[in-house]
Amino acid sequence: MATKLSAGEKVRIGFDYGLDANGKKIIKRKSFTIMPGATDDQVYTASNNFASLCEKPLLKIEKIENYELQA
């Protein structure tokens, strides 16, 4: 049976950069490594604090968890 081992976590913050010539939303993203053991609330708060320093509006916050599978 395979087991999974944590290979790190990161947060990706998406910002609204308006629309392109075809009317499609332009989203620019910034990614940061998350400290192991950080709670979802801590990640959310830190992401919002970072976004408040930026000029563009915040669209979304994504938490990405990577795992390595081993036999």
N, C-alpha and C. Protein backbone atom coordinates (compact mmCIF):
# COMPACT_ATOMS: atom_id res chain seq x y z
N MET A 1 0.84 -1.17 0.00
CA MET A 1 0.00 0.00 0.00
C MET A 1 0.89 1.25 0.00
N ALA A 2 0.52 2.23 -0.76
CA ALA A 2 1.28 3.47 -0.86
C ALA A 2 0.99 4.37 0.35
N THR A 3 2.02 5.09 0.75
CA THR A 3 1.86 6.08 1.82
C THR A 3 2.27 7.44 1.27
N LYS A 4 1.70 8.47 1.85
CA LYS A 4 2.04 9.81 1.38
C LYS A 4 2.83 10.55 2.44
N LEU A 5 3.83 11.27 1.98
CA LEU A 5 4.67 12.09 2.84
C LEU A 5 4.54 13.53 2.38
N SER A 6 4.42 14.43 3.32
CA SER A 6 4.30 15.84 2.96
C SER A 6 5.57 16.31 2.26
N ALA A 7 5.41 16.97 1.13
CA ALA A 7 6.54 17.50 0.37
C ALA A 7 6.51 19.02 0.35
N GLY A 8 5.77 19.61 1.28
CA GLY A 8 5.73 21.06 1.39
C GLY A 8 4.37 21.64 1.05
N GLU A 9 4.17 22.84 1.53
CA GLU A 9 2.93 23.57 1.27
C GLU A 9 3.27 24.97 0.82
N LYS A 10 2.39 25.54 0.03
CA LYS A 10 2.56 26.94 -0.36
C LYS A 10 1.19 27.58 -0.53
N VAL A 11 1.20 28.88 -0.54
CA VAL A 11 -0.02 29.65 -0.76
C VAL A 11 0.18 30.43 -2.05
N ARG A 12 -0.89 30.49 -2.84
CA ARG A 12 -0.87 31.24 -4.09
C ARG A 12 -1.97 32.29 -4.00
N ILE A 13 -1.58 33.55 -4.16
CA ILE A 13 -2.50 34.67 -4.03
C ILE A 13 -2.73 35.25 -5.42
N GLY A 14 -4.00 35.36 -5.83
CA GLY A 14 -4.35 35.88 -7.15
C GLY A 14 -4.88 37.30 -7.07
N PHE A 15 -4.39 38.15 -7.98
CA PHE A 15 -4.79 39.55 -8.03
C PHE A 15 -5.47 39.87 -9.36
N ASP A 16 -6.42 40.78 -9.32
CA ASP A 16 -7.20 41.19 -10.49
C ASP A 16 -6.44 42.28 -11.25
N TYR A 17 -6.05 41.97 -12.47
CA TYR A 17 -5.35 42.93 -13.32
C TYR A 17 -6.23 43.40 -14.48
N GLY A 18 -7.54 43.33 -14.30
CA GLY A 18 -8.46 43.82 -15.32
C GLY A 18 -8.78 42.79 -16.38
N LEU A 19 -9.12 43.29 -17.57
CA LEU A 19 -9.52 42.43 -18.68
C LEU A 19 -8.56 42.59 -19.85
N ASP A 20 -8.38 41.50 -20.61
CA ASP A 20 -7.56 41.59 -21.82
C ASP A 20 -8.42 42.09 -22.98
N ALA A 21 -7.86 42.12 -24.18
CA ALA A 21 -8.56 42.64 -25.36
C ALA A 21 -9.80 41.82 -25.71
N ASN A 22 -9.84 40.57 -25.26
CA ASN A 22 -10.99 39.70 -25.55
C ASN A 22 -12.01 39.67 -24.41
N GLY A 23 -11.79 40.48 -23.39
CA GLY A 23 -12.71 40.52 -22.27
C GLY A 23 -12.47 39.45 -21.23
N LYS A 24 -11.35 38.73 -21.35
CA LYS A 24 -11.02 37.67 -20.39
C LYS A 24 -10.26 38.28 -19.20
N LYS A 25 -10.61 37.83 -17.99
CA LYS A 25 -10.00 38.36 -16.78
C LYS A 25 -8.51 38.02 -16.73
N ILE A 26 -7.69 39.01 -16.39
CA ILE A 26 -6.25 38.80 -16.21
C ILE A 26 -5.99 38.64 -14.72
N ILE A 27 -5.40 37.50 -14.37
CA ILE A 27 -5.07 37.22 -12.97
C ILE A 27 -3.56 37.02 -12.87
N LYS A 28 -2.92 37.80 -12.01
CA LYS A 28 -1.50 37.63 -11.73
C LYS A 28 -1.39 37.02 -10.35
N ARG A 29 -0.47 36.07 -10.21
CA ARG A 29 -0.36 35.32 -8.96
C ARG A 29 1.02 35.47 -8.33
N LYS A 30 1.05 35.41 -7.02
CA LYS A 30 2.29 35.36 -6.24
C LYS A 30 2.21 34.11 -5.37
N SER A 31 3.31 33.38 -5.29
CA SER A 31 3.35 32.15 -4.48
C SER A 31 4.39 32.29 -3.38
N PHE A 32 4.06 31.73 -2.22
CA PHE A 32 4.95 31.76 -1.07
C PHE A 32 4.94 30.39 -0.40
N THR A 33 6.09 29.98 0.11
CA THR A 33 6.18 28.76 0.89
C THR A 33 5.57 29.01 2.26
N ILE A 34 4.84 28.01 2.76
CA ILE A 34 4.18 28.12 4.06
C ILE A 34 5.01 27.39 5.11
N MET A 35 5.11 27.98 6.28
CA MET A 35 5.79 27.34 7.40
C MET A 35 5.05 26.06 7.78
N PRO A 36 5.77 24.95 7.96
CA PRO A 36 5.09 23.71 8.38
C PRO A 36 4.33 23.94 9.69
N GLY A 37 3.12 23.43 9.74
CA GLY A 37 2.31 23.57 10.94
C GLY A 37 1.44 24.80 10.99
N ALA A 38 1.55 25.68 9.98
CA ALA A 38 0.70 26.87 9.95
C ALA A 38 -0.75 26.45 9.74
N THR A 39 -1.65 27.04 10.50
CA THR A 39 -3.07 26.71 10.36
C THR A 39 -3.66 27.43 9.16
N ASP A 40 -4.82 26.98 8.72
CA ASP A 40 -5.50 27.63 7.60
C ASP A 40 -5.81 29.09 7.94
N ASP A 41 -6.22 29.35 9.18
CA ASP A 41 -6.51 30.73 9.60
C ASP A 41 -5.26 31.61 9.53
N GLN A 42 -4.12 31.08 9.93
CA GLN A 42 -2.88 31.84 9.87
C GLN A 42 -2.48 32.14 8.43
N VAL A 43 -2.63 31.16 7.56
CA VAL A 43 -2.31 31.34 6.14
C VAL A 43 -3.23 32.39 5.53
N TYR A 44 -4.51 32.30 5.85
CA TYR A 44 -5.50 33.25 5.33
C TYR A 44 -5.20 34.67 5.81
N THR A 45 -4.92 34.82 7.10
CA THR A 45 -4.62 36.14 7.66
C THR A 45 -3.35 36.73 7.05
N ALA A 46 -2.29 35.93 6.95
CA ALA A 46 -1.04 36.41 6.37
C ALA A 46 -1.23 36.80 4.91
N SER A 47 -2.00 36.02 4.17
CA SER A 47 -2.26 36.32 2.76
C SER A 47 -3.03 37.62 2.60
N ASN A 48 -4.03 37.82 3.43
CA ASN A 48 -4.79 39.07 3.39
C ASN A 48 -3.93 40.27 3.78
N ASN A 49 -3.06 40.09 4.76
CA ASN A 49 -2.16 41.17 5.15
C ASN A 49 -1.22 41.53 4.00
N PHE A 50 -0.68 40.53 3.31
CA PHE A 50 0.17 40.79 2.16
C PHE A 50 -0.61 41.51 1.06
N ALA A 51 -1.82 41.03 0.78
CA ALA A 51 -2.64 41.62 -0.28
C ALA A 51 -2.98 43.07 0.02
N SER A 52 -3.10 43.42 1.29
CA SER A 52 -3.44 44.81 1.64
C SER A 52 -2.31 45.77 1.28
N LEU A 53 -1.11 45.26 1.08
CA LEU A 53 0.03 46.09 0.70
C LEU A 53 0.13 46.29 -0.81
N CYS A 54 -0.68 45.57 -1.56
CA CYS A 54 -0.63 45.61 -3.02
C CYS A 54 -1.68 46.55 -3.58
N GLU A 55 -1.41 47.08 -4.76
CA GLU A 55 -2.33 48.02 -5.40
C GLU A 55 -3.55 47.34 -6.00
N LYS A 56 -3.38 46.17 -6.54
CA LYS A 56 -4.47 45.48 -7.24
C LYS A 56 -5.37 44.74 -6.26
N PRO A 57 -6.66 44.58 -6.61
CA PRO A 57 -7.59 43.88 -5.71
C PRO A 57 -7.29 42.37 -5.63
N LEU A 58 -7.49 41.83 -4.46
CA LEU A 58 -7.32 40.41 -4.21
C LEU A 58 -8.50 39.64 -4.80
N LEU A 59 -8.20 38.59 -5.56
CA LEU A 59 -9.26 37.74 -6.12
C LEU A 59 -9.43 36.45 -5.35
N LYS A 60 -8.30 35.78 -5.06
CA LYS A 60 -8.42 34.49 -4.38
C LYS A 60 -7.13 34.12 -3.68
N ILE A 61 -7.30 33.24 -2.70
CA ILE A 61 -6.18 32.67 -1.96
C ILE A 61 -6.28 31.16 -2.09
N GLU A 62 -5.21 30.53 -2.57
CA GLU A 62 -5.20 29.08 -2.75
C GLU A 62 -4.09 28.48 -1.89
N LYS A 63 -4.42 27.46 -1.14
CA LYS A 63 -3.42 26.73 -0.37
C LYS A 63 -3.12 25.45 -1.14
N ILE A 64 -1.85 25.23 -1.43
CA ILE A 64 -1.43 24.08 -2.23
C ILE A 64 -0.59 23.16 -1.35
N GLU A 65 -1.05 21.93 -1.20
CA GLU A 65 -0.35 20.92 -0.40
C GLU A 65 0.24 19.88 -1.34
N ASN A 66 1.55 19.69 -1.28
CA ASN A 66 2.22 18.70 -2.12
C ASN A 66 2.60 17.49 -1.29
N TYR A 67 2.40 16.32 -1.90
CA TYR A 67 2.73 15.07 -1.23
C TYR A 67 3.56 14.20 -2.16
N GLU A 68 4.42 13.40 -1.56
CA GLU A 68 5.20 12.42 -2.29
C GLU A 68 4.65 11.04 -1.91
N LEU A 69 4.35 10.24 -2.91
CA LEU A 69 3.83 8.89 -2.65
C LEU A 69 4.97 7.89 -2.69
N GLN A 70 4.97 7.01 -1.69
CA GLN A 70 6.00 5.97 -1.61
C GLN A 70 5.34 4.63 -1.35
N ALA A 71 5.97 3.61 -1.86
CA ALA A 71 5.45 2.24 -1.67
C ALA A 71 5.81 1.71 -0.31
